[in-house]
């Protein structure tokens, strides 16, 4: 099984990037001129994007918004943000890190709801000697991006143990921009000792490659409250199309409710989408166990997003003290019964 799964992730699942701090590649996104009559929605083919996947597959968005709707999936947050910035998409699902960084750079983006919390797992390679966070001293770890959601979470935990990464003159080596699917091969080859891995990749490493769980998802910095996926739009689109945004939010709430109540069918839909894109499937037991390491929810913890941004600033990923005032507006979501 190990060999076959490694082959799968090495060849087919490279599309499933998580943090989104890799350099954008225009060729990999569907960069088409948007139809003004369409509502264009973006999402990632990832487990914690289940609400977007279910909303598409069950027809909830089409029911609310009509047939003039187009879905585009993205391999990383940078390409998603580029598409939002240029109007290729109107709204969609993305990790909080890219959205926060875009907002703080003056970009027009507003969080109108959450889609999932958690979904970060800290793991170490078998034989690395890492069993606790403090054991990372003198070792290496990888994340999908430099300063991405998972990177900031682990580095904050390291700081609490008096450790810093080599980026700041410390003794822990950080290898960034490691596609989550590539972590499997790097673990097997001993190229990295640990990872702050998004799901289902953390669980895949544990279940199929004997990785140690260093910190469970609810033990990670802000683990239970920090959104791993938020639903965003632009302030301009929200102002000019409040009815469309409300309809999308109604579909979003239906999608979240379905995912919460129908685990088996939700995981099948996610796996079907992965298969459609890669002609391969993740093991069902991996998806099932990974599902327990996240929470599909519409509840948005604005204070956790601010705390994450503050930690990012403390770790010198940001030049200015972050102020997220105006970044979150869930008033429309909260008005929907």
Protein backbone atom coordinates (compact mmCIF):
# COMPACT_ATOMS: atom_id res chain seq x y z
CA UNK A 1 0.00 0.00 0.00
CA UNK A 2 2.78 2.42 0.87
CA UNK A 3 4.35 2.22 -2.56
CA UNK A 4 1.05 2.67 -4.36
CA UNK A 5 -0.01 5.66 -2.26
CA UNK A 6 3.37 7.31 -2.68
CA UNK A 7 3.01 6.87 -6.41
CA UNK A 8 -0.45 8.35 -6.30
CA UNK A 9 0.52 11.49 -4.46
CA UNK A 10 3.71 11.88 -6.39
CA UNK A 11 2.06 11.79 -9.77
CA UNK A 12 -1.60 12.65 -9.53
CA UNK A 13 -2.50 14.69 -6.49
CA UNK A 14 -0.15 17.60 -6.97
CA UNK A 15 -3.20 19.72 -7.68
CA UNK A 16 -4.26 19.56 -4.06
CA UNK A 17 -2.10 22.32 -2.58
CA UNK A 18 -3.35 23.80 0.66
CA UNK A 19 -1.84 27.00 2.03
CA UNK A 20 -1.49 28.78 -1.24
CA UNK A 21 1.76 30.66 -0.85
CA UNK A 22 3.37 29.06 -3.85
CA UNK A 23 4.04 31.29 -6.84
CA UNK A 24 0.97 31.58 -8.99
CA UNK A 25 1.01 29.91 -12.37
CA UNK A 26 -1.53 31.45 -14.74
CA UNK A 27 -1.68 28.30 -16.85
CA UNK A 28 -3.12 26.17 -14.03
CA UNK A 29 -6.16 28.32 -13.28
CA UNK A 30 -9.05 28.77 -15.64
CA UNK A 31 -8.26 32.40 -16.39
CA UNK A 32 -11.20 33.24 -18.56
CA UNK A 33 -13.00 36.52 -18.93
CA UNK A 34 -16.01 36.29 -16.61
CA UNK A 35 -19.56 36.47 -17.91
CA UNK A 36 -21.23 39.44 -16.20
CA UNK A 37 -24.46 37.43 -15.91
CA UNK A 38 -22.76 34.52 -14.21
CA UNK A 39 -21.84 34.14 -10.58
CA UNK A 40 -18.33 32.74 -10.52
CA UNK A 41 -17.33 30.69 -7.46
CA UNK A 42 -13.86 29.43 -6.57
CA UNK A 43 -12.83 26.55 -4.34
CA UNK A 44 -10.05 24.00 -3.79
CA UNK A 45 -10.44 20.22 -4.21
CA UNK A 46 -9.48 19.75 -0.54
CA UNK A 47 -11.19 17.96 2.33
CA UNK A 48 -11.86 21.11 4.34
CA UNK A 49 -13.48 22.68 1.27
CA UNK A 50 -16.26 20.12 1.64
CA UNK A 51 -18.92 22.84 1.89
CA UNK A 52 -18.02 24.22 -1.52
CA UNK A 53 -17.78 20.76 -3.06
CA UNK A 54 -21.13 19.68 -1.64
CA UNK A 55 -22.73 22.97 -2.66
CA UNK A 56 -21.64 22.32 -6.22
CA UNK A 57 -22.36 18.59 -6.37
CA UNK A 58 -25.76 18.72 -4.62
CA UNK A 59 -26.87 21.73 -6.65
CA UNK A 60 -27.43 24.03 -3.68
CA UNK A 61 -25.72 26.98 -5.35
CA UNK A 62 -27.59 26.37 -8.60
CA UNK A 63 -30.88 26.17 -6.68
CA UNK A 64 -30.27 29.56 -5.07
CA UNK A 65 -28.43 31.41 -7.83
CA UNK A 66 -29.93 29.81 -10.93
CA UNK A 67 -28.21 28.19 -13.87
CA UNK A 68 -25.92 31.15 -14.59
CA UNK A 69 -23.21 29.90 -12.27
CA UNK A 70 -19.65 28.76 -12.88
CA UNK A 71 -17.25 26.90 -10.58
CA UNK A 72 -13.48 27.06 -10.80
CA UNK A 73 -11.07 25.05 -8.67
CA UNK A 74 -7.64 26.38 -7.77
CA UNK A 75 -4.40 24.66 -6.70
CA UNK A 76 -3.37 27.38 -4.25
CA UNK A 77 -4.47 30.54 -2.50
CA UNK A 78 -2.35 32.91 -4.58
CA UNK A 79 -4.14 31.94 -7.77
CA UNK A 80 -7.49 32.19 -6.01
CA UNK A 81 -6.66 35.70 -4.78
CA UNK A 82 -5.44 36.71 -8.24
CA UNK A 83 -8.75 35.53 -9.68
CA UNK A 84 -10.71 37.43 -7.03
CA UNK A 85 -8.62 40.55 -7.61
CA UNK A 86 -9.16 40.49 -11.38
CA UNK A 87 -12.87 39.65 -11.20
CA UNK A 88 -12.53 36.18 -12.68
CA UNK A 89 -14.38 34.90 -9.61
CA UNK A 90 -16.90 36.76 -7.48
CA UNK A 91 -16.66 34.78 -4.28
CA UNK A 92 -15.39 31.48 -2.96
CA UNK A 93 -13.52 29.35 -0.49
CA UNK A 94 -9.90 29.97 0.52
CA UNK A 95 -7.58 29.63 3.50
CA UNK A 96 -7.41 32.60 5.89
CA UNK A 97 -3.70 33.25 5.34
CA UNK A 98 -3.85 34.36 1.69
CA UNK A 99 -7.02 36.37 2.38
CA UNK A 100 -5.47 38.16 5.38
CA UNK A 101 -2.25 38.93 3.53
CA UNK A 102 -4.22 40.32 0.59
CA UNK A 103 -6.40 42.45 2.88
CA UNK A 104 -3.41 43.87 4.74
CA UNK A 105 -1.78 44.79 1.42
CA UNK A 106 -4.81 46.92 0.59
CA UNK A 107 -6.76 44.32 -1.36
CA UNK A 108 -10.55 44.32 -1.53
CA UNK A 109 -11.68 41.18 0.30
CA UNK A 110 -14.16 40.49 3.05
CA UNK A 111 -14.87 37.28 4.97
CA UNK A 112 -18.61 36.59 4.91
CA UNK A 113 -18.50 33.24 6.68
CA UNK A 114 -16.42 30.24 7.69
CA UNK A 115 -16.46 26.80 6.10
CA UNK A 116 -14.21 24.71 8.36
CA UNK A 117 -12.02 24.99 11.45
CA UNK A 118 -8.97 22.94 12.36
CA UNK A 119 -7.48 20.58 9.76
CA UNK A 120 -3.83 21.15 10.74
CA UNK A 121 -1.81 18.20 12.09
CA UNK A 122 1.79 18.37 13.36
CA UNK A 123 3.58 15.14 12.49
CA UNK A 124 7.12 13.77 12.51
CA UNK A 125 8.92 11.09 10.53
CA UNK A 126 9.34 7.69 12.14
CA UNK A 127 12.84 7.51 13.61
CA UNK A 128 13.29 11.29 13.68
CA UNK A 129 13.26 11.42 17.46
CA UNK A 130 10.55 14.08 17.45
CA UNK A 131 7.67 13.30 19.77
CA UNK A 132 7.05 16.70 21.37
CA UNK A 133 7.24 20.22 19.93
CA UNK A 134 10.46 20.94 21.84
CA UNK A 135 12.09 17.99 20.06
CA UNK A 136 12.18 19.99 16.81
CA UNK A 137 15.44 21.65 17.97
CA UNK A 138 18.13 20.67 15.46
CA UNK A 139 15.60 19.13 13.08
CA UNK A 140 13.63 20.20 10.01
CA UNK A 141 9.99 20.59 9.11
CA UNK A 142 8.03 21.51 6.01
CA UNK A 143 4.91 23.52 5.27
CA UNK A 144 3.08 24.26 2.01
CA UNK A 145 4.14 27.92 2.09
CA UNK A 146 6.35 30.43 3.85
CA UNK A 147 4.12 32.25 6.31
CA UNK A 148 1.06 30.20 5.42
CA UNK A 149 -1.60 29.26 7.96
CA UNK A 150 0.07 26.03 9.06
CA UNK A 151 3.57 27.55 9.12
CA UNK A 152 2.50 30.32 11.50
CA UNK A 153 0.70 27.82 13.74
CA UNK A 154 3.76 25.61 14.22
CA UNK A 155 6.25 28.47 14.54
CA UNK A 156 4.11 29.99 17.27
CA UNK A 157 4.23 26.67 19.12
CA UNK A 158 8.01 26.59 18.67
CA UNK A 159 8.32 30.14 20.05
CA UNK A 160 6.40 29.08 23.15
CA UNK A 161 9.14 26.46 23.69
CA UNK A 162 11.92 29.00 23.13
CA UNK A 163 12.73 27.80 19.61
CA UNK A 164 13.12 29.73 16.37
CA UNK A 165 13.58 28.68 12.76
CA UNK A 166 16.68 29.26 10.66
CA UNK A 167 14.81 32.13 9.00
CA UNK A 168 15.29 34.02 12.26
CA UNK A 169 18.67 32.63 13.21
CA UNK A 170 17.30 29.65 15.11
CA UNK A 171 18.08 25.96 15.20
CA UNK A 172 14.97 24.58 13.48
CA UNK A 173 15.17 24.28 9.70
CA UNK A 174 12.04 25.23 7.81
CA UNK A 175 11.51 24.00 4.27
CA UNK A 176 8.67 25.95 2.72
CA UNK A 177 6.70 25.66 -0.47
CA UNK A 178 6.49 21.91 -0.13
CA UNK A 179 3.33 20.76 -1.82
CA UNK A 180 1.42 18.65 0.74
CA UNK A 181 1.41 15.66 -1.59
CA UNK A 182 5.21 15.90 -1.91
CA UNK A 183 5.61 15.52 1.85
CA UNK A 184 5.05 11.77 1.52
CA UNK A 185 8.09 11.19 -0.68
CA UNK A 186 10.22 13.58 1.41
CA UNK A 187 9.30 11.67 4.58
CA UNK A 188 10.15 8.35 2.96
CA UNK A 189 13.50 9.65 1.72
CA UNK A 190 14.39 11.27 5.06
CA UNK A 191 14.59 14.74 3.53
CA UNK A 192 12.44 16.28 6.27
CA UNK A 193 11.87 15.33 9.89
CA UNK A 194 8.41 16.77 10.43
CA UNK A 195 5.58 18.77 8.93
CA UNK A 196 2.75 21.09 9.72
CA UNK A 197 0.40 19.30 7.38
CA UNK A 198 -3.09 20.17 6.20
CA UNK A 199 -5.65 17.42 6.10
CA UNK A 200 -5.93 14.80 4.77
CA UNK A 201 -2.15 14.80 4.23
CA UNK A 202 -1.26 14.66 7.92
CA UNK A 203 -3.51 11.66 8.46
CA UNK A 204 -2.17 10.03 5.28
CA UNK A 205 1.37 10.29 6.68
CA UNK A 206 0.26 8.79 9.98
CA UNK A 207 -1.88 5.96 8.62
CA UNK A 208 0.16 4.96 5.57
CA UNK A 209 3.71 6.00 6.48
CA UNK A 210 3.97 5.50 10.25
CA UNK A 211 4.44 9.18 11.08
CA UNK A 212 4.19 10.26 14.72
CA UNK A 213 1.47 12.66 15.80
CA UNK A 214 3.31 15.47 17.59
CA UNK A 215 0.22 17.66 18.09
CA UNK A 216 -3.37 16.82 17.27
CA UNK A 217 -5.49 19.35 15.41
CA UNK A 218 -7.11 20.64 18.61
CA UNK A 219 -3.69 21.01 20.31
CA UNK A 220 -2.24 23.15 17.53
CA UNK A 221 -2.09 26.93 18.08
CA UNK A 222 -5.69 28.21 17.69
CA UNK A 223 -6.54 24.71 16.46
CA UNK A 224 -10.23 24.53 17.34
CA UNK A 225 -11.12 28.16 16.57
CA UNK A 226 -8.96 29.15 13.62
CA UNK A 227 -10.79 28.75 10.34
CA UNK A 228 -8.91 26.61 7.85
CA UNK A 229 -11.30 27.78 5.13
CA UNK A 230 -13.30 31.00 4.89
CA UNK A 231 -15.91 32.12 2.39
CA UNK A 232 -14.91 35.46 0.91
CA UNK A 233 -16.02 38.01 -1.64
CA UNK A 234 -15.02 41.57 -2.44
CA UNK A 235 -16.55 44.60 -0.80
CA UNK A 236 -17.46 45.86 -4.26
CA UNK A 237 -19.33 42.68 -5.19
CA UNK A 238 -21.09 42.65 -1.82
CA UNK A 239 -22.21 46.25 -2.23
CA UNK A 240 -23.36 45.86 -5.84
CA UNK A 241 -24.88 42.36 -5.54
CA UNK A 242 -26.25 41.89 -2.01
CA UNK A 243 -29.01 39.55 -3.25
CA UNK A 244 -26.51 37.25 -4.97
CA UNK A 245 -24.33 37.17 -1.88
CA UNK A 246 -27.34 36.33 0.27
CA UNK A 247 -28.33 33.54 -2.11
CA UNK A 248 -24.80 32.16 -2.05
CA UNK A 249 -24.79 32.25 1.74
CA UNK A 250 -28.08 30.35 1.84
CA UNK A 251 -26.53 27.67 -0.36
CA UNK A 252 -23.43 27.68 1.84
CA UNK A 253 -25.48 27.08 4.97
CA UNK A 254 -27.30 24.19 3.29
CA UNK A 255 -23.98 22.71 2.22
CA UNK A 256 -22.49 22.92 5.70
CA UNK A 257 -25.61 21.38 7.24
CA UNK A 258 -25.49 18.50 4.76
CA UNK A 259 -21.79 17.87 5.39
CA UNK A 260 -22.36 17.87 9.14
CA UNK A 261 -25.16 15.31 8.91
CA UNK A 262 -23.95 13.12 6.05
CA UNK A 263 -20.29 12.23 6.59
CA UNK A 264 -20.18 9.15 4.36
CA UNK A 265 -21.77 10.84 1.34
CA UNK A 266 -19.69 13.99 1.84
CA UNK A 267 -16.43 12.06 1.90
CA UNK A 268 -17.52 10.13 -1.18
CA UNK A 269 -18.19 13.41 -3.00
CA UNK A 270 -14.77 14.75 -2.06
CA UNK A 271 -13.08 11.55 -3.17
CA UNK A 272 -15.07 11.54 -6.42
CA UNK A 273 -13.86 15.06 -7.18
CA UNK A 274 -10.27 14.04 -6.46
CA UNK A 275 -10.75 11.09 -8.78
CA UNK A 276 -12.21 13.29 -11.52
CA UNK A 277 -9.10 15.49 -11.36
CA UNK A 278 -6.43 12.83 -10.85
CA UNK A 279 -7.91 9.42 -11.73
CA UNK A 280 -6.93 8.23 -8.25
CA UNK A 281 -8.66 7.99 -4.89
CA UNK A 282 -7.47 8.49 -1.33
CA UNK A 283 -8.00 5.53 1.06
CA UNK A 284 -11.42 5.75 2.66
CA UNK A 285 -10.02 5.17 6.17
CA UNK A 286 -7.64 8.11 5.73
CA UNK A 287 -10.47 10.43 4.74
CA UNK A 288 -12.63 9.17 7.60
CA UNK A 289 -9.93 9.75 10.22
CA UNK A 290 -8.93 13.09 8.71
CA UNK A 291 -12.58 14.18 8.89
CA UNK A 292 -12.38 13.82 12.68
CA UNK A 293 -9.53 16.34 12.74
CA UNK A 294 -11.59 19.25 11.51
CA UNK A 295 -14.97 20.85 12.03
CA UNK A 296 -17.25 21.89 9.18
CA UNK A 297 -19.01 25.00 10.43
CA UNK A 298 -20.28 28.43 9.46
CA UNK A 299 -19.15 29.94 12.76
CA UNK A 300 -16.43 32.52 12.19
CA UNK A 301 -14.08 33.42 15.04
CA UNK A 302 -12.83 36.87 14.08
CA UNK A 303 -10.71 37.01 17.23
CA UNK A 304 -8.85 33.85 16.16
CA UNK A 305 -8.12 35.37 12.74
CA UNK A 306 -6.73 38.46 14.47
CA UNK A 307 -4.67 36.29 16.84
CA UNK A 308 -3.22 34.41 13.88
CA UNK A 309 -2.32 37.69 12.17
CA UNK A 310 -0.73 38.97 15.41
CA UNK A 311 1.36 35.78 15.62
CA UNK A 312 2.41 36.20 12.01
CA UNK A 313 3.60 39.71 12.82
CA UNK A 314 5.43 38.50 15.94
CA UNK A 315 7.22 35.93 13.79
CA UNK A 316 8.23 38.70 11.35
CA UNK A 317 6.22 37.44 8.42
CA UNK A 318 4.54 40.86 8.33
CA UNK A 319 6.19 44.27 8.41
CA UNK A 320 3.36 46.17 10.08
CA UNK A 321 1.21 45.43 13.11
CA UNK A 322 -1.93 43.92 11.51
CA UNK A 323 -5.33 45.54 11.92
CA UNK A 324 -8.15 43.35 10.62
CA UNK A 325 -10.92 45.84 11.37
CA UNK A 326 -13.44 45.46 8.54
CA UNK A 327 -12.00 42.18 7.32
CA UNK A 328 -14.88 40.06 8.68
CA UNK A 329 -18.55 40.85 8.02
CA UNK A 330 -20.85 37.96 8.82
CA UNK A 331 -23.96 40.09 9.41
CA UNK A 332 -25.68 38.82 6.26
CA UNK A 333 -24.95 35.20 7.14
CA UNK A 334 -26.26 35.67 10.66
CA UNK A 335 -29.52 37.16 9.33
CA UNK A 336 -30.30 34.00 7.34
CA UNK A 337 -32.43 31.48 9.21
